[in-house]
Amino acid sequence: MPLRTTRKAAEVLPFLEAFITRKEQQAREIEQVVERYEVKRMKEERAYQTMSSFRRMLSGKKPDHHLAVEYIHYVKKPMEQVRKLRAEIEQARQIMNDSKPGDDITFPEEFEDIFSS
């Protein structure tokens, strides 16, 4: 079970805002990488479909299991990471919304990295 740390809200709130901004940027970057991969795959598929049947026979196509592995690597795992980032963002926003500057805030140890930035 992760340890929990207690700090004053006035001390934590500016760091939480920076933490949220940084995590949102990371999520956007990952989503852009996924989108670029999906666009590339669609272009490849369109190019393959527009080939004549003779050229298709000669060029070959990636086996479906290769496409599945690519999908897991380039889409599924990164989107799981985005979901984790969004959960961290939501948790940080919850802390910000539920606290006043004089309050003591208890938060998970994984948030400790926001104070070491």
PDB file of N, CA and C in Angstrom:
ATOM      1  N   MET A   1       0.855  -1.190   0.000  1.00  0.00           N
ATOM      2  CA  MET A   1       0.000   0.000   0.000  1.00  0.00           C
ATOM      3  C   MET A   1       0.890   1.239   0.000  1.00  0.00           C
ATOM      4  N   PRO A   2       0.655   2.187  -0.902  1.00  0.00           N
ATOM      5  CA  PRO A   2       1.519   3.367  -0.965  1.00  0.00           C
ATOM      6  C   PRO A   2       1.362   4.244   0.272  1.00  0.00           C
ATOM      7  N   LEU A   3       2.474   4.818   0.704  1.00  0.00           N
ATOM      8  CA  LEU A   3       2.433   5.736   1.830  1.00  0.00           C
ATOM      9  C   LEU A   3       1.726   7.013   1.414  1.00  0.00           C
ATOM     10  N   ARG A   4       1.183   7.706   2.397  1.00  0.00           N
ATOM     11  CA  ARG A   4       0.494   8.947   2.099  1.00  0.00           C
ATOM     12  C   ARG A   4       1.257  10.078   2.785  1.00  0.00           C
ATOM     13  N   THR A   5       1.326  11.221   2.127  1.00  0.00           N
ATOM     14  CA  THR A   5       2.063  12.368   2.617  1.00  0.00           C
ATOM     15  C   THR A   5       1.081  13.489   2.930  1.00  0.00           C
ATOM     16  N   THR A   6       1.358  14.249   3.992  1.00  0.00           N
ATOM     17  CA  THR A   6       0.496  15.369   4.357  1.00  0.00           C
ATOM     18  C   THR A   6       1.286  16.664   4.212  1.00  0.00           C
ATOM     19  N   ARG A   7       0.664  17.641   3.571  1.00  0.00           N
ATOM     20  CA  ARG A   7       1.264  18.972   3.397  1.00  0.00           C
ATOM     21  C   ARG A   7       0.155  20.014   3.453  1.00  0.00           C
ATOM     22  N   LYS A   8       0.546  21.266   3.639  1.00  0.00           N
ATOM     23  CA  LYS A   8      -0.422  22.366   3.642  1.00  0.00           C
ATOM     24  C   LYS A   8      -0.886  22.642   2.216  1.00  0.00           C
ATOM     25  N   ALA A   9      -2.164  22.954   2.071  1.00  0.00           N
ATOM     26  CA  ALA A   9      -2.746  23.188   0.747  1.00  0.00           C
ATOM     27  C   ALA A   9      -2.069  24.356   0.037  1.00  0.00           C
ATOM     28  N   ALA A  10      -1.779  25.432   0.766  1.00  0.00           N
ATOM     29  CA  ALA A  10      -1.154  26.606   0.145  1.00  0.00           C
ATOM     30  C   ALA A  10       0.198  26.241  -0.467  1.00  0.00           C
ATOM     31  N   GLU A  11       0.878  25.289   0.142  1.00  0.00           N
ATOM     32  CA  GLU A  11       2.178  24.843  -0.356  1.00  0.00           C
ATOM     33  C   GLU A  11       2.016  23.944  -1.585  1.00  0.00           C
ATOM     34  N   VAL A  12       0.929  23.197  -1.637  1.00  0.00           N
ATOM     35  CA  VAL A  12       0.732  22.164  -2.654  1.00  0.00           C
ATOM     36  C   VAL A  12       0.052  22.675  -3.922  1.00  0.00           C
ATOM     37  N   LEU A  13      -0.899  23.587  -3.803  1.00  0.00           N
ATOM     38  CA  LEU A  13      -1.729  23.980  -4.941  1.00  0.00           C
ATOM     39  C   LEU A  13      -0.945  24.454  -6.169  1.00  0.00           C
ATOM     40  N   PRO A  14       0.078  25.318  -6.027  1.00  0.00           N
ATOM     41  CA  PRO A  14       0.822  25.717  -7.234  1.00  0.00           C
ATOM     42  C   PRO A  14       1.506  24.529  -7.925  1.00  0.00           C
ATOM     43  N   PHE A  15       2.010  23.603  -7.117  1.00  0.00           N
ATOM     44  CA  PHE A  15       2.655  22.422  -7.687  1.00  0.00           C
ATOM     45  C   PHE A  15       1.641  21.527  -8.388  1.00  0.00           C
ATOM     46  N   LEU A  16       0.445  21.430  -7.822  1.00  0.00           N
ATOM     47  CA  LEU A  16      -0.601  20.611  -8.446  1.00  0.00           C
ATOM     48  C   LEU A  16      -0.989  21.171  -9.809  1.00  0.00           C
ATOM     49  N   GLU A  17      -1.060  22.495  -9.913  1.00  0.00           N
ATOM     50  CA  GLU A  17      -1.392  23.111 -11.206  1.00  0.00           C
ATOM     51  C   GLU A  17      -0.331  22.767 -12.253  1.00  0.00           C
ATOM     52  N   ALA A  18       0.940  22.848 -11.864  1.00  0.00           N
ATOM     53  CA  ALA A  18       2.029  22.500 -12.785  1.00  0.00           C
ATOM     54  C   ALA A  18       1.986  21.009 -13.126  1.00  0.00           C
ATOM     55  N   PHE A  19       1.690  20.191 -12.125  1.00  0.00           N
ATOM     56  CA  PHE A  19       1.579  18.740 -12.317  1.00  0.00           C
ATOM     57  C   PHE A  19       0.482  18.420 -13.326  1.00  0.00           C
ATOM     58  N   ILE A  20      -0.676  19.058 -13.165  1.00  0.00           N
ATOM     59  CA  ILE A  20      -1.806  18.829 -14.074  1.00  0.00           C
ATOM     60  C   ILE A  20      -1.434  19.249 -15.492  1.00  0.00           C
ATOM     61  N   THR A  21      -0.818  20.410 -15.630  1.00  0.00           N
ATOM     62  CA  THR A  21      -0.411  20.901 -16.950  1.00  0.00           C
ATOM     63  C   THR A  21       0.561  19.933 -17.618  1.00  0.00           C
ATOM     64  N   ARG A  22       1.541  19.460 -16.849  1.00  0.00           N
ATOM     65  CA  ARG A  22       2.541  18.534 -17.394  1.00  0.00           C
ATOM     66  C   ARG A  22       1.898  17.212 -17.818  1.00  0.00           C
ATOM     67  N   LYS A  23       1.002  16.683 -16.998  1.00  0.00           N
ATOM     68  CA  LYS A  23       0.345  15.406 -17.319  1.00  0.00           C
ATOM     69  C   LYS A  23      -0.585  15.555 -18.525  1.00  0.00           C
ATOM     70  N   GLU A  24      -1.281  16.694 -18.628  1.00  0.00           N
ATOM     71  CA  GLU A  24      -2.143  16.926 -19.795  1.00  0.00           C
ATOM     72  C   GLU A  24      -1.309  16.986 -21.072  1.00  0.00           C
ATOM     73  N   GLN A  25      -0.148  17.626 -21.001  1.00  0.00           N
ATOM     74  CA  GLN A  25       0.745  17.709 -22.158  1.00  0.00           C
ATOM     75  C   GLN A  25       1.231  16.318 -22.558  1.00  0.00           C
ATOM     76  N   GLN A  26       1.605  15.501 -21.575  1.00  0.00           N
ATOM     77  CA  GLN A  26       2.044  14.132 -21.874  1.00  0.00           C
ATOM     78  C   GLN A  26       0.929  13.346 -22.555  1.00  0.00           C
ATOM     79  N   ALA A  27      -0.295  13.483 -22.052  1.00  0.00           N
ATOM     80  CA  ALA A  27      -1.435  12.765 -22.635  1.00  0.00           C
ATOM     81  C   ALA A  27      -1.667  13.215 -24.077  1.00  0.00           C
ATOM     82  N   ARG A  28      -1.589  14.526 -24.324  1.00  0.00           N
ATOM     83  CA  ARG A  28      -1.774  15.036 -25.693  1.00  0.00           C
ATOM     84  C   ARG A  28      -0.703  14.498 -26.635  1.00  0.00           C
ATOM     85  N   GLU A  29       0.542  14.465 -26.170  1.00  0.00           N
ATOM     86  CA  GLU A  29       1.632  13.964 -27.011  1.00  0.00           C
ATOM     87  C   GLU A  29       1.419  12.494 -27.368  1.00  0.00           C
ATOM     88  N   ILE A  30       1.011  11.692 -26.406  1.00  0.00           N
ATOM     89  CA  ILE A  30       0.761  10.271 -26.666  1.00  0.00           C
ATOM     90  C   ILE A  30      -0.392  10.116 -27.649  1.00  0.00           C
ATOM     91  N   GLU A  31      -1.451  10.890 -27.460  1.00  0.00           N
ATOM     92  CA  GLU A  31      -2.594  10.815 -28.378  1.00  0.00           C
ATOM     93  C   GLU A  31      -2.193  11.205 -29.797  1.00  0.00           C
ATOM     94  N   GLN A  32      -1.301  12.182 -29.940  1.00  0.00           N
ATOM     95  CA  GLN A  32      -0.829  12.583 -31.269  1.00  0.00           C
ATOM     96  C   GLN A  32      -0.034  11.465 -31.933  1.00  0.00           C
ATOM     97  N   VAL A  33       0.791  10.770 -31.157  1.00  0.00           N
ATOM     98  CA  VAL A  33       1.560   9.647 -31.699  1.00  0.00           C
ATOM     99  C   VAL A  33       0.610   8.554 -32.186  1.00  0.00           C
ATOM    100  N   VAL A  34      -0.412   8.252 -31.392  1.00  0.00           N
ATOM    101  CA  VAL A  34      -1.393   7.228 -31.764  1.00  0.00           C
ATOM    102  C   VAL A  34      -2.124   7.651 -33.031  1.00  0.00           C
ATOM    103  N   GLU A  35      -2.518   8.918 -33.090  1.00  0.00           N
ATOM    104  CA  GLU A  35      -3.240   9.409 -34.267  1.00  0.00           C
ATOM    105  C   GLU A  35      -2.373   9.325 -35.525  1.00  0.00           C
ATOM    106  N   ARG A  36      -1.089   9.697 -35.399  1.00  0.00           N
ATOM    107  CA  ARG A  36      -0.186   9.595 -36.556  1.00  0.00           C
ATOM    108  C   ARG A  36      -0.065   8.146 -37.026  1.00  0.00           C
ATOM    109  N   TYR A  37       0.020   7.217 -36.092  1.00  0.00           N
ATOM    110  CA  TYR A  37       0.102   5.800 -36.463  1.00  0.00           C
ATOM    111  C   TYR A  37      -1.168   5.366 -37.193  1.00  0.00           C
ATOM    112  N   GLU A  38      -2.332   5.761 -36.670  1.00  0.00           N
ATOM    113  CA  GLU A  38      -3.593   5.353 -37.294  1.00  0.00           C
ATOM    114  C   GLU A  38      -3.730   5.938 -38.700  1.00  0.00           C
ATOM    115  N   VAL A  39      -3.313   7.179 -38.892  1.00  0.00           N
ATOM    116  CA  VAL A  39      -3.352   7.798 -40.224  1.00  0.00           C
ATOM    117  C   VAL A  39      -2.419   7.038 -41.170  1.00  0.00           C
ATOM    118  N   LYS A  40      -1.226   6.701 -40.681  1.00  0.00           N
ATOM    119  CA  LYS A  40      -0.269   5.948 -41.500  1.00  0.00           C
ATOM    120  C   LYS A  40      -0.859   4.597 -41.911  1.00  0.00           C
ATOM    121  N   ARG A  41      -1.477   3.892 -40.978  1.00  0.00           N
ATOM    122  CA  ARG A  41      -2.088   2.590 -41.276  1.00  0.00           C
ATOM    123  C   ARG A  41      -3.209   2.727 -42.306  1.00  0.00           C
ATOM    124  N   MET A  42      -4.028   3.760 -42.171  1.00  0.00           N
ATOM    125  CA  MET A  42      -5.112   3.963 -43.139  1.00  0.00           C
ATOM    126  C   MET A  42      -4.547   4.226 -44.531  1.00  0.00           C
ATOM    127  N   LYS A  43      -3.475   5.031 -44.612  1.00  0.00           N
ATOM    128  CA  LYS A  43      -2.846   5.307 -45.907  1.00  0.00           C
ATOM    129  C   LYS A  43      -2.290   4.029 -46.519  1.00  0.00           C
ATOM    130  N   GLU A  44      -1.633   3.218 -45.693  1.00  0.00           N
ATOM    131  CA  GLU A  44      -1.087   1.954 -46.196  1.00  0.00           C
ATOM    132  C   GLU A  44      -2.203   1.050 -46.709  1.00  0.00           C
ATOM    133  N   GLU A  45      -3.286   0.960 -45.959  1.00  0.00           N
ATOM    134  CA  GLU A  45      -4.409   0.103 -46.355  1.00  0.00           C
ATOM    135  C   GLU A  45      -5.047   0.609 -47.649  1.00  0.00           C
ATOM    136  N   ARG A  46      -5.228   1.932 -47.749  1.00  0.00           N
ATOM    137  CA  ARG A  46      -5.792   2.515 -48.977  1.00  0.00           C
ATOM    138  C   ARG A  46      -4.893   2.242 -50.174  1.00  0.00           C
ATOM    139  N   ALA A  47      -3.591   2.408 -49.987  1.00  0.00           N
ATOM    140  CA  ALA A  47      -2.644   2.164 -51.080  1.00  0.00           C
ATOM    141  C   ALA A  47      -2.705   0.701 -51.511  1.00  0.00           C
ATOM    142  N   TYR A  48      -2.802  -0.194 -50.561  1.00  0.00           N
ATOM    143  CA  TYR A  48      -2.881  -1.622 -50.883  1.00  0.00           C
ATOM    144  C   TYR A  48      -4.164  -1.932 -51.646  1.00  0.00           C
ATOM    145  N   GLN A  49      -5.280  -1.340 -51.218  1.00  0.00           N
ATOM    146  CA  GLN A  49      -6.570  -1.610 -51.859  1.00  0.00           C
ATOM    147  C   GLN A  49      -6.642  -1.045 -53.280  1.00  0.00           C
ATOM    148  N   THR A  50      -5.897   0.021 -53.558  1.00  0.00           N
ATOM    149  CA  THR A  50      -5.948   0.617 -54.899  1.00  0.00           C
ATOM    150  C   THR A  50      -5.043  -0.102 -55.894  1.00  0.00           C
ATOM    151  N   MET A  51      -4.191  -1.005 -55.398  1.00  0.00           N
ATOM    152  CA  MET A  51      -3.315  -1.758 -56.303  1.00  0.00           C
ATOM    153  C   MET A  51      -4.137  -2.752 -57.118  1.00  0.00           C
ATOM    154  N   SER A  52      -3.610  -3.064 -58.276  1.00  0.00           N
ATOM    155  CA  SER A  52      -4.252  -4.121 -59.069  1.00  0.00           C
ATOM    156  C   SER A  52      -4.050  -5.453 -58.348  1.00  0.00           C
ATOM    157  N   SER A  53      -4.884  -6.411 -58.658  1.00  0.00           N
ATOM    158  CA  SER A  53      -4.784  -7.703 -57.976  1.00  0.00           C
ATOM    159  C   SER A  53      -3.424  -8.363 -58.226  1.00  0.00           C
ATOM    160  N   PHE A  54      -2.855  -8.161 -59.411  1.00  0.00           N
ATOM    161  CA  PHE A  54      -1.536  -8.721 -59.704  1.00  0.00           C
ATOM    162  C   PHE A  54      -0.469  -8.084 -58.804  1.00  0.00           C
ATOM    163  N   ARG A  55      -0.505  -6.755 -58.668  1.00  0.00           N
ATOM    164  CA  ARG A  55       0.472  -6.062 -57.796  1.00  0.00           C
ATOM    165  C   ARG A  55       0.278  -6.455 -56.346  1.00  0.00           C
ATOM    166  N   ARG A  56      -0.981  -6.613 -55.920  1.00  0.00           N
ATOM    167  CA  ARG A  56      -1.242  -7.052 -54.547  1.00  0.00           C
ATOM    168  C   ARG A  56      -0.611  -8.417 -54.295  1.00  0.00           C
ATOM    169  N   MET A  57      -0.748  -9.296 -55.287  1.00  0.00           N
ATOM    170  CA  MET A  57      -0.197 -10.635 -55.149  1.00  0.00           C
ATOM    171  C   MET A  57       1.331 -10.566 -55.007  1.00  0.00           C
ATOM    172  N   LEU A  58       1.968  -9.680 -55.754  1.00  0.00           N
ATOM    173  CA  LEU A  58       3.424  -9.558 -55.704  1.00  0.00           C
ATOM    174  C   LEU A  58       3.915  -8.808 -54.468  1.00  0.00           C
ATOM    175  N   SER A  59       3.172  -7.795 -54.065  1.00  0.00           N
ATOM    176  CA  SER A  59       3.653  -6.946 -52.970  1.00  0.00           C
ATOM    177  C   SER A  59       3.479  -7.599 -51.610  1.00  0.00           C
ATOM    178  N   GLY A  60       2.447  -8.362 -51.455  1.00  0.00           N
ATOM    179  CA  GLY A  60       2.199  -8.971 -50.156  1.00  0.00           C
ATOM    180  C   GLY A  60       1.662  -7.959 -49.169  1.00  0.00           C
ATOM    181  N   LYS A  61       1.125  -8.469 -48.140  1.00  0.00           N
ATOM    182  CA  LYS A  61       0.530  -7.631 -47.105  1.00  0.00           C
ATOM    183  C   LYS A  61       1.001  -8.171 -45.767  1.00  0.00           C
ATOM    184  N   LYS A  62       1.125  -7.299 -44.784  1.00  0.00           N
ATOM    185  CA  LYS A  62       1.526  -7.755 -43.464  1.00  0.00           C
ATOM    186  C   LYS A  62       0.498  -8.757 -42.958  1.00  0.00           C
ATOM    187  N   PRO A  63       0.960  -9.844 -42.373  1.00  0.00           N
ATOM    188  CA  PRO A  63       0.003 -10.805 -41.804  1.00  0.00           C
ATOM    189  C   PRO A  63      -0.825 -10.148 -40.700  1.00  0.00           C
ATOM    190  N   ASP A  64      -2.041 -10.636 -40.518  1.00  0.00           N
ATOM    191  CA  ASP A  64      -2.945 -10.045 -39.530  1.00  0.00           C
ATOM    192  C   ASP A  64      -2.357 -10.049 -38.122  1.00  0.00           C
ATOM    193  N   HIS A  65      -1.623 -11.110 -37.778  1.00  0.00           N
ATOM    194  CA  HIS A  65      -1.064 -11.137 -36.424  1.00  0.00           C
ATOM    195  C   HIS A  65       0.006 -10.059 -36.243  1.00  0.00           C
ATOM    196  N   HIS A  66       0.697  -9.674 -37.312  1.00  0.00           N
ATOM    197  CA  HIS A  66       1.653  -8.561 -37.223  1.00  0.00           C
ATOM    198  C   HIS A  66       0.895  -7.258 -36.978  1.00  0.00           C
ATOM    199  N   LEU A  67      -0.210  -7.093 -37.684  1.00  0.00           N
ATOM    200  CA  LEU A  67      -1.028  -5.889 -37.488  1.00  0.00           C
ATOM    201  C   LEU A  67      -1.566  -5.828 -36.070  1.00  0.00           C
ATOM    202  N   ALA A  68      -1.949  -6.990 -35.528  1.00  0.00           N
ATOM    203  CA  ALA A  68      -2.469  -7.028 -34.159  1.00  0.00           C
ATOM    204  C   ALA A  68      -1.389  -6.626 -33.158  1.00  0.00           C
ATOM    205  N   VAL A  69      -0.179  -7.121 -33.351  1.00  0.00           N
ATOM    206  CA  VAL A  69       0.922  -6.763 -32.456  1.00  0.00           C
ATOM    207  C   VAL A  69       1.232  -5.275 -32.576  1.00  0.00           C
ATOM    208  N   GLU A  70       1.241  -4.751 -33.804  1.00  0.00           N
ATOM    209  CA  GLU A  70       1.456  -3.313 -34.000  1.00  0.00           C
ATOM    210  C   GLU A  70       0.380  -2.507 -33.285  1.00  0.00           C
ATOM    211  N   TYR A  71      -0.867  -2.943 -33.401  1.00  0.00           N
ATOM    212  CA  TYR A  71      -1.973  -2.232 -32.761  1.00  0.00           C
ATOM    213  C   TYR A  71      -1.763  -2.187 -31.247  1.00  0.00           C
ATOM    214  N   ILE A  72      -1.404  -3.321 -30.670  1.00  0.00           N
ATOM    215  CA  ILE A  72      -1.177  -3.362 -29.219  1.00  0.00           C
ATOM    216  C   ILE A  72      -0.046  -2.416 -28.843  1.00  0.00           C
ATOM    217  N   HIS A  73       1.033  -2.449 -29.619  1.00  0.00           N
ATOM    218  CA  HIS A  73       2.207  -1.639 -29.302  1.00  0.00           C
ATOM    219  C   HIS A  73       1.978  -0.145 -29.524  1.00  0.00           C
ATOM    220  N   TYR A  74       1.334   0.215 -30.627  1.00  0.00           N
ATOM    221  CA  TYR A  74       1.206   1.624 -31.010  1.00  0.00           C
ATOM    222  C   TYR A  74      -0.101   2.280 -30.592  1.00  0.00           C
ATOM    223  N   VAL A  75      -1.126   1.487 -30.230  1.00  0.00           N
ATOM    224  CA  VAL A  75      -2.419   2.085 -29.889  1.00  0.00           C
ATOM    225  C   VAL A  75      -2.876   1.686 -28.488  1.00  0.00           C
ATOM    226  N   LYS A  76      -3.018   0.399 -28.250  1.00  0.00           N
ATOM    227  CA  LYS A  76      -3.635  -0.053 -27.003  1.00  0.00           C
ATOM    228  C   LYS A  76      -2.824   0.345 -25.765  1.00  0.00           C
ATOM    229  N   LYS A  77      -1.543   0.011 -25.739  1.00  0.00           N
ATOM    230  CA  LYS A  77      -0.718   0.338 -24.568  1.00  0.00           C
ATOM    231  C   LYS A  77      -0.586   1.843 -24.353  1.00  0.00           C
ATOM    232  N   PRO A  78      -0.326   2.625 -25.404  1.00  0.00           N
ATOM    233  CA  PRO A  78      -0.273   4.075 -25.184  1.00  0.00           C
ATOM    234  C   PRO A  78      -1.600   4.654 -24.668  1.00  0.00           C
ATOM    235  N   MET A  79      -2.725   4.133 -25.157  1.00  0.00           N
ATOM    236  CA  MET A  79      -4.013   4.653 -24.689  1.00  0.00           C
ATOM    237  C   MET A  79      -4.276   4.245 -23.238  1.00  0.00           C
ATOM    238  N   GLU A  80      -3.758   3.091 -22.811  1.00  0.00           N
ATOM    239  CA  GLU A  80      -3.843   2.725 -21.393  1.00  0.00           C
ATOM    240  C   GLU A  80      -3.043   3.721 -20.563  1.00  0.00           C
ATOM    241  N   GLN A  81      -1.896   4.115 -21.073  1.00  0.00           N
ATOM    242  CA  GLN A  81      -1.073   5.110 -20.391  1.00  0.00           C
ATOM    243  C   GLN A  81      -1.816   6.447 -20.306  1.00  0.00           C
ATOM    244  N   VAL A  82      -2.513   6.831 -21.369  1.00  0.00           N
ATOM    245  CA  VAL A  82      -3.297   8.071 -21.363  1.00  0.00           C
ATOM    246  C   VAL A  82      -4.395   7.980 -20.303  1.00  0.00           C
ATOM    247  N   ARG A  83      -5.054   6.835 -20.206  1.00  0.00           N
ATOM    248  CA  ARG A  83      -6.100   6.672 -19.185  1.00  0.00           C
ATOM    249  C   ARG A  83      -5.525   6.832 -17.777  1.00  0.00           C
ATOM    250  N   LYS A  84      -4.323   6.287 -17.548  1.00  0.00           N
ATOM    251  CA  LYS A  84      -3.678   6.443 -16.237  1.00  0.00           C
ATOM    252  C   LYS A  84      -3.358   7.914 -15.971  1.00  0.00           C
ATOM    253  N   LEU A  85      -2.849   8.601 -16.995  1.00  0.00           N
ATOM    254  CA  LEU A  85      -2.543  10.025 -16.840  1.00  0.00           C
ATOM    255  C   LEU A  85      -3.803  10.818 -16.520  1.00  0.00           C
ATOM    256  N   ARG A  86      -4.893  10.519 -17.223  1.00  0.00           N
ATOM    257  CA  ARG A  86      -6.160  11.220 -16.975  1.00  0.00           C
ATOM    258  C   ARG A  86      -6.663  10.951 -15.553  1.00  0.00           C
ATOM    259  N   ALA A  87      -6.465   9.726 -15.053  1.00  0.00           N
ATOM    260  CA  ALA A  87      -6.871   9.409 -13.679  1.00  0.00           C
ATOM    261  C   ALA A  87      -6.041  10.219 -12.681  1.00  0.00           C
ATOM    262  N   GLU A  88      -4.731  10.342 -12.934  1.00  0.00           N
ATOM    263  CA  GLU A  88      -3.874  11.155 -12.068  1.00  0.00           C
ATOM    264  C   GLU A  88      -4.310  12.615 -12.103  1.00  0.00           C
ATOM    265  N   ILE A  89      -4.639  13.112 -13.286  1.00  0.00           N
ATOM    266  CA  ILE A  89      -5.100  14.493 -13.432  1.00  0.00           C
ATOM    267  C   ILE A  89      -6.381  14.694 -12.639  1.00  0.00           C
ATOM    268  N   GLU A  90      -7.306  13.763 -12.770  1.00  0.00           N
ATOM    269  CA  GLU A  90      -8.585  13.864 -12.057  1.00  0.00           C
ATOM    270  C   GLU A  90      -8.366  13.845 -10.549  1.00  0.00           C
ATOM    271  N   GLN A  91      -7.457  12.989 -10.086  1.00  0.00           N
ATOM    272  CA  GLN A  91      -7.156  12.913  -8.659  1.00  0.00           C
ATOM    273  C   GLN A  91      -6.563  14.241  -8.170  1.00  0.00           C
ATOM    274  N   ALA A  92      -5.664  14.828  -8.949  1.00  0.00           N
ATOM    275  CA  ALA A  92      -5.058  16.110  -8.577  1.00  0.00           C
ATOM    276  C   ALA A  92      -6.106  17.223  -8.572  1.00  0.00           C
ATOM    277  N   ARG A  93      -6.997  17.221  -9.562  1.00  0.00           N
ATOM    278  CA  ARG A  93      -8.062  18.237  -9.590  1.00  0.00           C
ATOM    279  C   ARG A  93      -8.991  18.088  -8.393  1.00  0.00           C
ATOM    280  N   GLN A  94      -9.276  16.843  -8.024  1.00  0.00           N
ATOM    281  CA  GLN A  94     -10.140  16.589  -6.863  1.00  0.00           C
ATOM    282  C   GLN A  94      -9.505  17.182  -5.607  1.00  0.00           C
ATOM    283  N   ILE A  95      -8.198  16.976  -5.452  1.00  0.00           N
ATOM    284  CA  ILE A  95      -7.487  17.534  -4.297  1.00  0.00           C
ATOM    285  C   ILE A  95      -7.575  19.055  -4.327  1.00  0.00           C
ATOM    286  N   MET A  96      -7.368  19.661  -5.500  1.00  0.00           N
ATOM    287  CA  MET A  96      -7.425  21.122  -5.617  1.00  0.00           C
ATOM    288  C   MET A  96      -8.816  21.652  -5.286  1.00  0.00           C
ATOM    289  N   ASN A  97      -9.851  20.995  -5.801  1.00  0.00           N
ATOM    290  CA  ASN A  97     -11.216  21.483  -5.614  1.00  0.00           C
ATOM    291  C   ASN A  97     -11.728  21.293  -4.192  1.00  0.00           C
ATOM    292  N   ASP A  98     -11.236  20.281  -3.498  1.00  0.00           N
ATOM    293  CA  ASP A  98     -11.747  19.963  -2.167  1.00  0.00           C
ATOM    294  C   ASP A  98     -10.969  20.626  -1.040  1.00  0.00           C
ATOM    295  N   SER A  99      -9.983  21.456  -1.343  1.00  0.00           N
ATOM    296  CA  SER A  99      -9.159  21.998  -0.270  1.00  0.00           C
ATOM    297  C   SER A  99      -9.102  23.523  -0.302  1.00  0.00           C
ATOM    298  N   LYS A 100      -8.904  24.073   0.894  1.00  0.00           N
ATOM    299  CA  LYS A 100      -8.709  25.515   1.077  1.00  0.00           C
ATOM    300  C   LYS A 100      -7.241  25.725   1.441  1.00  0.00           C
ATOM    301  N   PRO A 101      -6.687  26.933   1.226  1.00  0.00           N
ATOM    302  CA  PRO A 101      -5.251  27.147   1.448  1.00  0.00           C
ATOM    303  C   PRO A 101      -4.729  26.753   2.832  1.00  0.00           C
ATOM    304  N   GLY A 102      -5.532  26.821   3.880  1.00  0.00           N
ATOM    305  CA  GLY A 102      -5.049  26.483   5.221  1.00  0.00           C
ATOM    306  C   GLY A 102      -5.168  25.017   5.578  1.00  0.00           C
ATOM    307  N   ASP A 103      -5.826  24.243   4.747  1.00  0.00           N
ATOM    308  CA  ASP A 103      -6.053  22.819   5.033  1.00  0.00           C
ATOM    309  C   ASP A 103      -4.767  22.008   4.937  1.00  0.00           C
ATOM    310  N   ASP A 104      -4.761  20.903   5.696  1.00  0.00           N
ATOM    311  CA  ASP A 104      -3.722  19.894   5.506  1.00  0.00           C
ATOM    312  C   ASP A 104      -4.242  18.927   4.455  1.00  0.00           C
ATOM    313  N   ILE A 105      -3.410  18.631   3.462  1.00  0.00           N
ATOM    314  CA  ILE A 105      -3.813  17.727   2.383  1.00  0.00           C
ATOM    315  C   ILE A 105      -3.012  16.443   2.508  1.00  0.00           C
ATOM    316  N   THR A 106      -3.714  15.332   2.459  1.00  0.00           N
ATOM    317  CA  THR A 106      -3.063  14.028   2.432  1.00  0.00           C
ATOM    318  C   THR A 106      -3.213  13.483   1.029  1.00  0.00           C
ATOM    319  N   PHE A 107      -2.107  13.117   0.419  1.00  0.00           N
ATOM    320  CA  PHE A 107      -2.164  12.624  -0.951  1.00  0.00           C
ATOM    321  C   PHE A 107      -1.208  11.450  -1.113  1.00  0.00           C
ATOM    322  N   PRO A 108      -1.422  10.625  -2.129  1.00  0.00           N
ATOM    323  CA  PRO A 108      -0.586   9.438  -2.345  1.00  0.00           C
ATOM    324  C   PRO A 108       0.876   9.795  -2.571  1.00  0.00           C
ATOM    325  N   GLU A 109       1.749   8.871  -2.213  1.00  0.00           N
ATOM    326  CA  GLU A 109       3.188   9.076  -2.343  1.00  0.00           C
ATOM    327  C   GLU A 109       3.614   9.336  -3.787  1.00  0.00           C
ATOM    328  N   GLU A 110       2.885   8.765  -4.767  1.00  0.00           N
ATOM    329  CA  GLU A 110       3.293   8.962  -6.163  1.00  0.00           C
ATOM    330  C   GLU A 110       3.222  10.428  -6.575  1.00  0.00           C
ATOM    331  N   PHE A 111       2.503  11.260  -5.811  1.00  0.00           N
ATOM    332  CA  PHE A 111       2.453  12.692  -6.103  1.00  0.00           C
ATOM    333  C   PHE A 111       3.691  13.404  -5.566  1.00  0.00           C
ATOM    334  N   GLU A 112       4.521  12.714  -4.789  1.00  0.00           N
ATOM    335  CA  GLU A 112       5.703  13.327  -4.194  1.00  0.00           C
ATOM    336  C   GLU A 112       6.646  13.882  -5.263  1.00  0.00           C
ATOM    337  N   ASP A 113       6.639  13.311  -6.460  1.00  0.00           N
ATOM    338  CA  ASP A 113       7.523  13.802  -7.525  1.00  0.00           C
ATOM    339  C   ASP A 113       7.183  15.221  -7.967  1.00  0.00           C
ATOM    340  N   ILE A 114       5.987  15.713  -7.662  1.00  0.00           N
ATOM    341  CA  ILE A 114       5.651  17.081  -8.066  1.00  0.00           C
ATOM    342  C   ILE A 114       6.407  18.110  -7.240  1.00  0.00           C
ATOM    343  N   PHE A 115       6.872  17.718  -6.040  1.00  0.00           N
ATOM    344  CA  PHE A 115       7.603  18.656  -5.194  1.00  0.00           C
ATOM    345  C   PHE A 115       9.095  18.643  -5.494  1.00  0.00           C
ATOM    346  N   SER A 116       9.557  17.624  -6.181  1.00  0.00           N
ATOM    347  CA  SER A 116      10.981  17.522  -6.482  1.00  0.00           C
ATOM    348  C   SER A 116      11.326  18.119  -7.840  1.00  0.00           C
ATOM    349  N   SER A 117      10.319  18.674  -8.562  1.00  0.00           N
ATOM    350  CA  SER A 117      10.559  19.250  -9.898  1.00  0.00           C
ATOM    351  C   SER A 117      11.330  20.536  -9.808  1.00  0.00           C
TER     352      SER A 117
END
